Amino acid sequence: SDLGADILNCIPLYSVEGTPFESIPSPTNEEVKYVREEAEAYLPQMRH
């Protein structure tokens, strides 16, 4: 935001087979919502 970026898109992890993060579960909708609300203090959020 300090550099002038226009919008932030917080994307929940998509767990993909064959990657080091394959066993990490995707965040819940509630977790994503919370993080976006916190980040919205600095930048508009893409929610779609």
All heavy atoms as atom14 arrays in JSON, in Angstrom:
{
  "sequence": "SDLGADILNCIPLYSVEGTPFESIPSPTNEEVKYVREEAEAYLPQMRH",
  "atom14_mask": [
    [1, 1, 1, 1, 1, 1, 0, 0, 0, 0, 0, 0, 0, 0],
    [1, 1, 1, 1, 1, 1, 1, 1, 0, 0, 0, 0, 0, 0],
    [1, 1, 1, 1, 1, 1, 1, 1, 0, 0, 0, 0, 0, 0],
    [1, 1, 1, 1, 0, 0, 0, 0, 0, 0, 0, 0, 0, 0],
    [1, 1, 1, 1, 1, 0, 0, 0, 0, 0, 0, 0, 0, 0],
    [1, 1, 1, 1, 1, 1, 1, 1, 0, 0, 0, 0, 0, 0],
    [1, 1, 1, 1, 1, 1, 1, 1, 0, 0, 0, 0, 0, 0],
    [1, 1, 1, 1, 1, 1, 1, 1, 0, 0, 0, 0, 0, 0],
    [1, 1, 1, 1, 1, 1, 1, 1, 0, 0, 0, 0, 0, 0],
    [1, 1, 1, 1, 1, 1, 0, 0, 0, 0, 0, 0, 0, 0],
    [1, 1, 1, 1, 1, 1, 1, 1, 0, 0, 0, 0, 0, 0],
    [1, 1, 1, 1, 1, 1, 1, 0, 0, 0, 0, 0, 0, 0],
    [1, 1, 1, 1, 1, 1, 1, 1, 0, 0, 0, 0, 0, 0],
    [1, 1, 1, 1, 1, 1, 1, 1, 1, 1, 1, 1, 0, 0],
    [1, 1, 1, 1, 1, 1, 0, 0, 0, 0, 0, 0, 0, 0],
    [1, 1, 1, 1, 1, 1, 1, 0, 0, 0, 0, 0, 0, 0],
    [1, 1, 1, 1, 1, 1, 1, 1, 1, 0, 0, 0, 0, 0],
    [1, 1, 1, 1, 0, 0, 0, 0, 0, 0, 0, 0, 0, 0],
    [1, 1, 1, 1, 1, 1, 1, 0, 0, 0, 0, 0, 0, 0],
    [1, 1, 1, 1, 1, 1, 1, 0, 0, 0, 0, 0, 0, 0],
    [1, 1, 1, 1, 1, 1, 1, 1, 1, 1, 1, 0, 0, 0],
    [1, 1, 1, 1, 1, 1, 1, 1, 1, 0, 0, 0, 0, 0],
    [1, 1, 1, 1, 1, 1, 0, 0, 0, 0, 0, 0, 0, 0],
    [1, 1, 1, 1, 1, 1, 1, 1, 0, 0, 0, 0, 0, 0],
    [1, 1, 1, 1, 1, 1, 1, 0, 0, 0, 0, 0, 0, 0],
    [1, 1, 1, 1, 1, 1, 0, 0, 0, 0, 0, 0, 0, 0],
    [1, 1, 1, 1, 1, 1, 1, 0, 0, 0, 0, 0, 0, 0],
    [1, 1, 1, 1, 1, 1, 1, 0, 0, 0, 0, 0, 0, 0],
    [1, 1, 1, 1, 1, 1, 1, 1, 0, 0, 0, 0, 0, 0],
    [1, 1, 1, 1, 1, 1, 1, 1, 1, 0, 0, 0, 0, 0],
    [1, 1, 1, 1, 1, 1, 1, 1, 1, 0, 0, 0, 0, 0],
    [1, 1, 1, 1, 1, 1, 1, 0, 0, 0, 0, 0, 0, 0],
    [1, 1, 1, 1, 1, 1, 1, 1, 1, 0, 0, 0, 0, 0],
    [1, 1, 1, 1, 1, 1, 1, 1, 1, 1, 1, 1, 0, 0],
    [1, 1, 1, 1, 1, 1, 1, 0, 0, 0, 0, 0, 0, 0],
    [1, 1, 1, 1, 1, 1, 1, 1, 1, 1, 1, 0, 0, 0],
    [1, 1, 1, 1, 1, 1, 1, 1, 1, 0, 0, 0, 0, 0],
    [1, 1, 1, 1, 1, 1, 1, 1, 1, 0, 0, 0, 0, 0],
    [1, 1, 1, 1, 1, 0, 0, 0, 0, 0, 0, 0, 0, 0],
    [1, 1, 1, 1, 1, 1, 1, 1, 1, 0, 0, 0, 0, 0],
    [1, 1, 1, 1, 1, 0, 0, 0, 0, 0, 0, 0, 0, 0],
    [1, 1, 1, 1, 1, 1, 1, 1, 1, 1, 1, 1, 0, 0],
    [1, 1, 1, 1, 1, 1, 1, 1, 0, 0, 0, 0, 0, 0],
    [1, 1, 1, 1, 1, 1, 1, 0, 0, 0, 0, 0, 0, 0],
    [1, 1, 1, 1, 1, 1, 1, 1, 1, 0, 0, 0, 0, 0],
    [1, 1, 1, 1, 1, 1, 1, 1, 0, 0, 0, 0, 0, 0],
    [1, 1, 1, 1, 1, 1, 1, 1, 1, 1, 1, 0, 0, 0],
    [1, 1, 1, 1, 1, 1, 1, 1, 1, 1, 0, 0, 0, 0]
  ],
  "atom14_positions": [
    [[0.83, -1.2, 0.0], [0.0, 0.0, 0.0], [0.86, 1.25, 0.0], [0.58, 2.23, -0.7], [-0.92, 0.0, 1.22], [-1.65, 1.2, 1.32], [0.0, 0.0, 0.0], [0.0, 0.0, 0.0], [0.0, 0.0, 0.0], [0.0, 0.0, 0.0], [0.0, 0.0, 0.0], [0.0, 0.0, 0.0], [0.0, 0.0, 0.0], [0.0, 0.0, 0.0]],
    [[1.95, 1.22, 0.76], [2.86, 2.37, 0.81], [3.49, 2.65, -0.55], [3.89, 3.79, -0.83], [3.96, 2.13, 1.85], [3.44, 2.17, 3.28], [2.34, 2.71, 3.49], [4.12, 1.64, 4.18], [0.0, 0.0, 0.0], [0.0, 0.0, 0.0], [0.0, 0.0, 0.0], [0.0, 0.0, 0.0], [0.0, 0.0, 0.0], [0.0, 0.0, 0.0]],
    [[3.58, 1.61, -1.41], [4.17, 1.77, -2.74], [3.12, 2.14, -3.79], [3.46, 2.37, -4.95], [4.89, 0.49, -3.16], [6.15, 0.16, -2.37], [6.65, -1.24, -2.71], [7.24, 1.2, -2.65], [0.0, 0.0, 0.0], [0.0, 0.0, 0.0], [0.0, 0.0, 0.0], [0.0, 0.0, 0.0], [0.0, 0.0, 0.0], [0.0, 0.0, 0.0]],
    [[1.84, 2.14, -3.4], [0.79, 2.57, -4.32], [0.0, 1.47, -4.98], [-0.78, 1.75, -5.91], [0.0, 0.0, 0.0], [0.0, 0.0, 0.0], [0.0, 0.0, 0.0], [0.0, 0.0, 0.0], [0.0, 0.0, 0.0], [0.0, 0.0, 0.0], [0.0, 0.0, 0.0], [0.0, 0.0, 0.0], [0.0, 0.0, 0.0], [0.0, 0.0, 0.0]],
    [[0.17, 0.22, -4.54], [-0.62, -0.86, -5.12], [-2.11, -0.56, -4.98], [-2.54, 0.15, -4.05], [-0.29, -2.18, -4.44], [0.0, 0.0, 0.0], [0.0, 0.0, 0.0], [0.0, 0.0, 0.0], [0.0, 0.0, 0.0], [0.0, 0.0, 0.0], [0.0, 0.0, 0.0], [0.0, 0.0, 0.0], [0.0, 0.0, 0.0], [0.0, 0.0, 0.0]],
    [[-2.92, -1.08, -5.91], [-4.31, -0.69, -6.0], [-5.28, -1.64, -5.3], [-6.33, -1.2, -4.82], [-4.71, -0.59, -7.48], [-3.92, 0.49, -8.19], [-4.31, 1.66, -8.08], [-2.91, 0.16, -8.84], [0.0, 0.0, 0.0], [0.0, 0.0, 0.0], [0.0, 0.0, 0.0], [0.0, 0.0, 0.0], [0.0, 0.0, 0.0], [0.0, 0.0, 0.0]],
    [[-4.97, -2.92, -5.26], [-5.9, -3.89, -4.7], [-5.13, -5.13, -4.28], [-4.07, -5.44, -4.85], [-7.0, -4.25, -5.74], [-8.12, -5.09, -5.1], [-6.41, -4.94, -6.96], [-9.33, -5.27, -6.01], [0.0, 0.0, 0.0], [0.0, 0.0, 0.0], [0.0, 0.0, 0.0], [0.0, 0.0, 0.0], [0.0, 0.0, 0.0], [0.0, 0.0, 0.0]],
    [[-5.64, -5.83, -3.26], [-5.01, -7.06, -2.78], [-5.98, -8.21, -2.94], [-7.16, -8.1, -2.6], [-4.61, -6.93, -1.31], [-3.98, -8.17, -0.66], [-2.57, -8.39, -1.2], [-3.94, -8.04, 0.85], [0.0, 0.0, 0.0], [0.0, 0.0, 0.0], [0.0, 0.0, 0.0], [0.0, 0.0, 0.0], [0.0, 0.0, 0.0], [0.0, 0.0, 0.0]],
    [[-5.49, -9.3, -3.46], [-6.28, -10.52, -3.63], [-5.69, -11.59, -2.74], [-4.64, -12.17, -3.05], [-6.26, -10.96, -5.1], [-7.07, -12.21, -5.34], [-7.94, -12.57, -4.54], [-6.8, -12.89, -6.45], [0.0, 0.0, 0.0], [0.0, 0.0, 0.0], [0.0, 0.0, 0.0], [0.0, 0.0, 0.0], [0.0, 0.0, 0.0], [0.0, 0.0, 0.0]],
    [[-6.33, -11.84, -1.61], [-5.88, -12.88, -0.68], [-6.51, -14.2, -1.11], [-7.72, -14.39, -0.99], [-6.29, -12.51, 0.73], [-5.81, -13.73, 1.96], [0.0, 0.0, 0.0], [0.0, 0.0, 0.0], [0.0, 0.0, 0.0], [0.0, 0.0, 0.0], [0.0, 0.0, 0.0], [0.0, 0.0, 0.0], [0.0, 0.0, 0.0], [0.0, 0.0, 0.0]],
    [[-5.69, -15.12, -1.61], [-6.17, -16.35, -2.2], [-5.9, -17.52, -1.25], [-4.75, -17.74, -0.86], [-5.46, -16.63, -3.54], [-5.6, -15.43, -4.48], [-6.02, -17.88, -4.21], [-4.8, -15.56, -5.77], [0.0, 0.0, 0.0], [0.0, 0.0, 0.0], [0.0, 0.0, 0.0], [0.0, 0.0, 0.0], [0.0, 0.0, 0.0], [0.0, 0.0, 0.0]],
    [[-6.91, -18.26, -0.86], [-6.66, -19.41, 0.02], [-5.84, -20.49, -0.68], [-6.0, -20.72, -1.88], [-8.07, -19.92, 0.34], [-8.94, -19.39, -0.76], [-8.34, -18.09, -1.18], [0.0, 0.0, 0.0], [0.0, 0.0, 0.0], [0.0, 0.0, 0.0], [0.0, 0.0, 0.0], [0.0, 0.0, 0.0], [0.0, 0.0, 0.0], [0.0, 0.0, 0.0]],
    [[-4.94, -21.1, 0.04], [-4.11, -22.17, -0.49], [-4.97, -23.26, -1.12], [-5.97, -23.69, -0.56], [-3.27, -22.78, 0.63], [-2.44, -24.03, 0.25], [-1.28, -23.64, -0.64], [-1.95, -24.74, 1.51], [0.0, 0.0, 0.0], [0.0, 0.0, 0.0], [0.0, 0.0, 0.0], [0.0, 0.0, 0.0], [0.0, 0.0, 0.0], [0.0, 0.0, 0.0]],
    [[-4.57, -23.69, -2.3], [-5.18, -24.84, -2.97], [-4.18, -25.99, -2.84], [-3.12, -25.96, -3.45], [-5.43, -24.5, -4.44], [-6.18, -25.55, -5.24], [-7.5, -25.33, -5.62], [-5.57, -26.73, -5.66], [-8.2, -26.26, -6.37], [-6.26, -27.66, -6.4], [-7.57, -27.43, -6.76], [-8.25, -28.36, -7.51], [0.0, 0.0, 0.0], [0.0, 0.0, 0.0]],
    [[-4.49, -26.96, -2.02], [-3.55, -28.05, -1.75], [-3.41, -28.93, -2.98], [-4.4, -29.5, -3.46], [-4.03, -28.88, -0.55], [-4.12, -28.07, 0.6], [0.0, 0.0, 0.0], [0.0, 0.0, 0.0], [0.0, 0.0, 0.0], [0.0, 0.0, 0.0], [0.0, 0.0, 0.0], [0.0, 0.0, 0.0], [0.0, 0.0, 0.0], [0.0, 0.0, 0.0]],
    [[-2.2, -29.02, -3.51], [-1.96, -29.73, -4.77], [-1.07, -30.94, -4.51], [-0.02, -30.84, -3.85], [-1.3, -28.81, -5.8], [-1.02, -29.57, -7.1], [-2.19, -27.6, -6.08], [0.0, 0.0, 0.0], [0.0, 0.0, 0.0], [0.0, 0.0, 0.0], [0.0, 0.0, 0.0], [0.0, 0.0, 0.0], [0.0, 0.0, 0.0], [0.0, 0.0, 0.0]],
    [[-1.48, -32.07, -5.04], [-0.72, -33.3, -4.9], [0.69, -33.13, -5.47], [0.9, -32.48, -6.48], [-1.44, -34.43, -5.64], [-0.74, -35.77, -5.61], [-1.46, -36.81, -6.44], [-2.57, -36.52, -6.93], [-0.9, -37.91, -6.61], [0.0, 0.0, 0.0], [0.0, 0.0, 0.0], [0.0, 0.0, 0.0], [0.0, 0.0, 0.0], [0.0, 0.0, 0.0]],
    [[1.66, -33.73, -4.78], [3.03, -33.72, -5.28], [3.81, -32.48, -4.93], [4.89, -32.24, -5.49], [0.0, 0.0, 0.0], [0.0, 0.0, 0.0], [0.0, 0.0, 0.0], [0.0, 0.0, 0.0], [0.0, 0.0, 0.0], [0.0, 0.0, 0.0], [0.0, 0.0, 0.0], [0.0, 0.0, 0.0], [0.0, 0.0, 0.0], [0.0, 0.0, 0.0]],
    [[3.3, -31.66, -4.01], [4.02, -30.46, -3.58], [4.38, -30.58, -2.1], [3.75, -31.33, -1.35], [3.17, -29.19, -3.77], [2.07, -29.22, -2.84], [2.63, -29.11, -5.19], [0.0, 0.0, 0.0], [0.0, 0.0, 0.0], [0.0, 0.0, 0.0], [0.0, 0.0, 0.0], [0.0, 0.0, 0.0], [0.0, 0.0, 0.0], [0.0, 0.0, 0.0]],
    [[5.38, -29.84, -1.63], [5.71, -29.87, -0.2], [4.55, -29.45, 0.7], [4.52, -29.82, 1.87], [6.89, -28.88, -0.1], [7.52, -28.91, -1.45], [6.38, -29.08, -2.41], [0.0, 0.0, 0.0], [0.0, 0.0, 0.0], [0.0, 0.0, 0.0], [0.0, 0.0, 0.0], [0.0, 0.0, 0.0], [0.0, 0.0, 0.0], [0.0, 0.0, 0.0]],
    [[3.61, -28.67, 0.16], [2.49, -28.2, 0.95], [1.23, -29.03, 0.74], [0.14, -28.6, 1.13], [2.19, -26.73, 0.63], [3.19, -25.75, 1.16], [3.15, -24.42, 0.77], [4.18, -26.14, 2.05], [4.07, -23.5, 1.26], [5.11, -25.23, 2.55], [5.05, -23.89, 2.14], [0.0, 0.0, 0.0], [0.0, 0.0, 0.0], [0.0, 0.0, 0.0]],
    [[1.35, -30.21, 0.14], [0.15, -30.98, -0.18], [-0.63, -31.39, 1.06], [-1.85, -31.6, 0.99], [0.52, -32.23, -0.99], [1.34, -33.26, -0.25], [1.61, -34.5, -1.1], [0.95, -34.66, -2.15], [2.48, -35.3, -0.72], [0.0, 0.0, 0.0], [0.0, 0.0, 0.0], [0.0, 0.0, 0.0], [0.0, 0.0, 0.0], [0.0, 0.0, 0.0]],
    [[0.03, -31.5, 2.21], [-0.66, -31.94, 3.42], [-1.22, -30.78, 4.24], [-1.9, -30.99, 5.25], [0.29, -32.76, 4.31], [1.4, -31.99, 4.7], [0.0, 0.0, 0.0], [0.0, 0.0, 0.0], [0.0, 0.0, 0.0], [0.0, 0.0, 0.0], [0.0, 0.0, 0.0], [0.0, 0.0, 0.0], [0.0, 0.0, 0.0], [0.0, 0.0, 0.0]],
    [[-0.95, -29.55, 3.81], [-1.5, -28.39, 4.52], [-2.94, -28.18, 4.06], [-3.19, -28.0, 2.87], [-0.67, -27.12, 4.26], [0.75, -27.29, 4.77], [-1.32, -25.9, 4.9], [1.65, -26.09, 4.52], [0.0, 0.0, 0.0], [0.0, 0.0, 0.0], [0.0, 0.0, 0.0], [0.0, 0.0, 0.0], [0.0, 0.0, 0.0], [0.0, 0.0, 0.0]],
    [[-3.9, -28.19, 4.96], [-5.29, -28.0, 4.54], [-5.54, -26.57, 4.1], [-4.89, -25.63, 4.57], [-6.08, -28.35, 5.8], [-5.13, -28.04, 6.92], [-3.76, -28.39, 6.41], [0.0, 0.0, 0.0], [0.0, 0.0, 0.0], [0.0, 0.0, 0.0], [0.0, 0.0, 0.0], [0.0, 0.0, 0.0], [0.0, 0.0, 0.0], [0.0, 0.0, 0.0]],
    [[-6.48, -26.42, 3.17], [-6.86, -25.07, 2.75], [-7.49, -24.33, 3.93], [-8.18, -24.94, 4.75], [-7.86, -25.14, 1.6], [-7.28, -25.75, 0.47], [0.0, 0.0, 0.0], [0.0, 0.0, 0.0], [0.0, 0.0, 0.0], [0.0, 0.0, 0.0], [0.0, 0.0, 0.0], [0.0, 0.0, 0.0], [0.0, 0.0, 0.0], [0.0, 0.0, 0.0]],
    [[-7.26, -23.04, 4.04], [-7.89, -22.28, 5.13], [-9.4, -22.26, 4.98], [-9.93, -22.35, 3.88], [-7.29, -20.88, 4.98], [-6.85, -20.8, 3.56], [-6.44, -22.18, 3.17], [0.0, 0.0, 0.0], [0.0, 0.0, 0.0], [0.0, 0.0, 0.0], [0.0, 0.0, 0.0], [0.0, 0.0, 0.0], [0.0, 0.0, 0.0], [0.0, 0.0, 0.0]],
    [[-10.09, -22.13, 6.08], [-11.55, -22.08, 6.05], [-12.02, -20.72, 5.54], [-11.26, -19.75, 5.5], [-12.12, -22.3, 7.46], [-11.73, -21.2, 8.3], [-11.61, -23.61, 8.06], [0.0, 0.0, 0.0], [0.0, 0.0, 0.0], [0.0, 0.0, 0.0], [0.0, 0.0, 0.0], [0.0, 0.0, 0.0], [0.0, 0.0, 0.0], [0.0, 0.0, 0.0]],
    [[-13.27, -20.66, 5.16], [-13.84, -19.39, 4.71], [-13.76, -18.33, 5.8], [-13.52, -17.15, 5.52], [-15.3, -19.6, 4.29], [-15.43, -20.43, 3.03], [-14.49, -20.52, 2.24], [-16.59, -21.03, 2.84], [0.0, 0.0, 0.0], [0.0, 0.0, 0.0], [0.0, 0.0, 0.0], [0.0, 0.0, 0.0], [0.0, 0.0, 0.0], [0.0, 0.0, 0.0]],
    [[-13.95, -18.77, 7.05], [-13.89, -17.82, 8.16], [-12.48, -17.27, 8.33], [-12.29, -16.07, 8.61], [-14.34, -18.5, 9.46], [-15.82, -18.83, 9.53], [-16.2, -20.0, 8.63], [-15.29, -20.79, 8.24], [-17.4, -20.15, 8.32], [0.0, 0.0, 0.0], [0.0, 0.0, 0.0], [0.0, 0.0, 0.0], [0.0, 0.0, 0.0], [0.0, 0.0, 0.0]],
    [[-11.49, -18.13, 8.16], [-10.1, -17.68, 8.27], [-9.75, -16.69, 7.16], [-9.08, -15.67, 7.4], [-9.16, -18.88, 8.24], [-9.23, -19.75, 9.49], [-8.48, -21.06, 9.34], [-8.34, -21.55, 8.18], [-8.05, -21.6, 10.37], [0.0, 0.0, 0.0], [0.0, 0.0, 0.0], [0.0, 0.0, 0.0], [0.0, 0.0, 0.0], [0.0, 0.0, 0.0]],
    [[-10.19, -16.99, 5.95], [-9.93, -16.09, 4.83], [-10.62, -14.75, 5.06], [-10.03, -13.68, 4.84], [-10.4, -16.72, 3.5], [-10.23, -15.73, 2.35], [-9.63, -18.0, 3.2], [0.0, 0.0, 0.0], [0.0, 0.0, 0.0], [0.0, 0.0, 0.0], [0.0, 0.0, 0.0], [0.0, 0.0, 0.0], [0.0, 0.0, 0.0], [0.0, 0.0, 0.0]],
    [[-11.85, -14.8, 5.51], [-12.6, -13.56, 5.77], [-11.89, -12.7, 6.8], [-11.77, -11.47, 6.62], [-14.01, -13.91, 6.24], [-14.87, -12.69, 6.53], [-16.26, -13.1, 7.04], [-17.09, -11.86, 7.38], [-18.43, -12.22, 7.91], [0.0, 0.0, 0.0], [0.0, 0.0, 0.0], [0.0, 0.0, 0.0], [0.0, 0.0, 0.0], [0.0, 0.0, 0.0]],
    [[-11.41, -13.32, 7.86], [-10.72, -12.57, 8.92], [-9.46, -11.88, 8.38], [-9.22, -10.7, 8.64], [-10.36, -13.49, 10.07], [-9.51, -12.85, 11.13], [-10.09, -12.02, 12.09], [-8.13, -13.05, 11.17], [-9.3, -11.39, 13.06], [-7.34, -12.43, 12.12], [-7.94, -11.6, 13.06], [-7.15, -10.99, 14.01], [0.0, 0.0, 0.0], [0.0, 0.0, 0.0]],
    [[-8.67, -12.63, 7.61], [-7.42, -12.08, 7.08], [-7.72, -10.92, 6.12], [-7.05, -9.88, 6.15], [-6.6, -13.17, 6.38], [-5.43, -12.57, 5.61], [-6.08, -14.18, 7.4], [0.0, 0.0, 0.0], [0.0, 0.0, 0.0], [0.0, 0.0, 0.0], [0.0, 0.0, 0.0], [0.0, 0.0, 0.0], [0.0, 0.0, 0.0], [0.0, 0.0, 0.0]],
    [[-8.73, -11.08, 5.28], [-9.09, -10.0, 4.35], [-9.54, -8.75, 5.09], [-9.2, -7.62, 4.69], [-10.19, -10.49, 3.41], [-9.69, -11.45, 2.33], [-10.83, -12.01, 1.52], [-10.34, -12.84, 0.42], [-11.11, -13.64, -0.31], [-12.42, -13.74, -0.03], [-10.6, -14.35, -1.29], [0.0, 0.0, 0.0], [0.0, 0.0, 0.0], [0.0, 0.0, 0.0]],
    [[-10.3, -8.93, 6.14], [-10.77, -7.77, 6.91], [-9.6, -7.04, 7.56], [-9.58, -5.8, 7.63], [-11.78, -8.21, 7.95], [-13.13, -8.64, 7.34], [-14.09, -9.19, 8.38], [-13.64, -9.45, 9.53], [-15.27, -9.37, 8.05], [0.0, 0.0, 0.0], [0.0, 0.0, 0.0], [0.0, 0.0, 0.0], [0.0, 0.0, 0.0], [0.0, 0.0, 0.0]],
    [[-8.61, -7.8, 8.03], [-7.42, -7.17, 8.62], [-6.63, -6.41, 7.56], [-6.17, -5.28, 7.8], [-6.54, -8.25, 9.26], [-7.13, -8.88, 10.5], [-7.17, -7.93, 11.67], [-6.1, -7.38, 12.01], [-8.26, -7.71, 12.23], [0.0, 0.0, 0.0], [0.0, 0.0, 0.0], [0.0, 0.0, 0.0], [0.0, 0.0, 0.0], [0.0, 0.0, 0.0]],
    [[-6.49, -7.0, 6.38], [-5.7, -6.36, 5.32], [-6.42, -5.18, 4.7], [-5.8, -4.28, 4.13], [-5.37, -7.4, 4.23], [0.0, 0.0, 0.0], [0.0, 0.0, 0.0], [0.0, 0.0, 0.0], [0.0, 0.0, 0.0], [0.0, 0.0, 0.0], [0.0, 0.0, 0.0], [0.0, 0.0, 0.0], [0.0, 0.0, 0.0], [0.0, 0.0, 0.0]],
    [[-7.74, -5.16, 4.83], [-8.53, -4.09, 4.21], [-8.26, -2.74, 4.85], [-8.61, -1.69, 4.29], [-10.01, -4.43, 4.3], [-10.87, -3.65, 3.32], [-12.22, -4.28, 3.12], [-12.71, -4.97, 4.04], [-12.81, -4.09, 2.03], [0.0, 0.0, 0.0], [0.0, 0.0, 0.0], [0.0, 0.0, 0.0], [0.0, 0.0, 0.0], [0.0, 0.0, 0.0]],
    [[-7.64, -2.73, 5.99], [-7.25, -1.46, 6.6], [-6.23, -0.72, 5.73], [-6.06, 0.5, 5.88], [-6.67, -1.71, 8.0], [0.0, 0.0, 0.0], [0.0, 0.0, 0.0], [0.0, 0.0, 0.0], [0.0, 0.0, 0.0], [0.0, 0.0, 0.0], [0.0, 0.0, 0.0], [0.0, 0.0, 0.0], [0.0, 0.0, 0.0], [0.0, 0.0, 0.0]],
    [[-5.57, -1.45, 4.82], [-4.53, -0.87, 3.99], [-4.89, -0.83, 2.51], [-4.48, 0.09, 1.8], [-3.22, -1.65, 4.17], [-2.75, -1.67, 5.59], [-3.03, -2.75, 6.42], [-2.05, -0.59, 6.13], [-2.6, -2.78, 7.74], [-1.63, -0.6, 7.45], [-1.91, -1.69, 8.25], [-1.5, -1.69, 9.57], [0.0, 0.0, 0.0], [0.0, 0.0, 0.0]],
    [[-5.63, -1.85, 2.03], [-5.93, -1.92, 0.6], [-7.32, -2.5, 0.37], [-7.76, -3.38, 1.12], [-4.92, -2.83, -0.12], [-3.6, -2.23, -0.6], [-2.77, -3.31, -1.26], [-3.85, -1.1, -1.59], [0.0, 0.0, 0.0], [0.0, 0.0, 0.0], [0.0, 0.0, 0.0], [0.0, 0.0, 0.0], [0.0, 0.0, 0.0], [0.0, 0.0, 0.0]],
    [[-8.01, -2.07, -0.69], [-9.24, -2.73, -1.07], [-8.98, -4.21, -1.36], [-7.9, -4.57, -1.85], [-9.67, -1.99, -2.34], [-8.98, -0.67, -2.27], [-7.68, -0.93, -1.56], [0.0, 0.0, 0.0], [0.0, 0.0, 0.0], [0.0, 0.0, 0.0], [0.0, 0.0, 0.0], [0.0, 0.0, 0.0], [0.0, 0.0, 0.0], [0.0, 0.0, 0.0]],
    [[-9.97, -5.04, -1.07], [-9.8, -6.48, -1.22], [-10.61, -7.01, -2.41], [-11.75, -6.61, -2.62], [-10.28, -7.2, 0.05], [-9.5, -6.82, 1.29], [-8.05, -7.25, 1.22], [-7.74, -8.43, 1.17], [-7.14, -6.27, 1.21], [0.0, 0.0, 0.0], [0.0, 0.0, 0.0], [0.0, 0.0, 0.0], [0.0, 0.0, 0.0], [0.0, 0.0, 0.0]],
    [[-9.99, -7.9, -3.16], [-10.71, -8.63, -4.2], [-11.31, -9.87, -3.54], [-10.58, -10.73, -3.05], [-9.78, -9.04, -5.33], [-10.47, -9.85, -6.41], [-9.35, -10.37, -7.73], [-10.5, -11.29, -8.78], [0.0, 0.0, 0.0], [0.0, 0.0, 0.0], [0.0, 0.0, 0.0], [0.0, 0.0, 0.0], [0.0, 0.0, 0.0], [0.0, 0.0, 0.0]],
    [[-12.63, -9.96, -3.55], [-13.3, -11.08, -2.9], [-13.98, -12.03, -3.88], [-14.63, -12.98, -3.47], [-14.33, -10.56, -1.89], [-13.7, -9.89, -0.66], [-14.78, -9.42, 0.33], [-14.21, -9.1, 1.63], [-13.71, -7.92, 1.96], [-13.71, -6.93, 1.06], [-13.21, -7.7, 3.17], [0.0, 0.0, 0.0], [0.0, 0.0, 0.0], [0.0, 0.0, 0.0]],
    [[-13.83, -11.77, -5.19], [-14.54, -12.58, -6.17], [-13.58, -13.39, -7.05], [-13.94, -13.84, -8.13], [-15.42, -11.7, -7.05], [-14.67, -10.6, -7.77], [-14.22, -9.46, -7.14], [-14.29, -10.48, -9.07], [-13.62, -8.69, -8.02], [-13.63, -9.3, -9.2], [0.0, 0.0, 0.0], [0.0, 0.0, 0.0], [0.0, 0.0, 0.0], [0.0, 0.0, 0.0]]
  ]
}
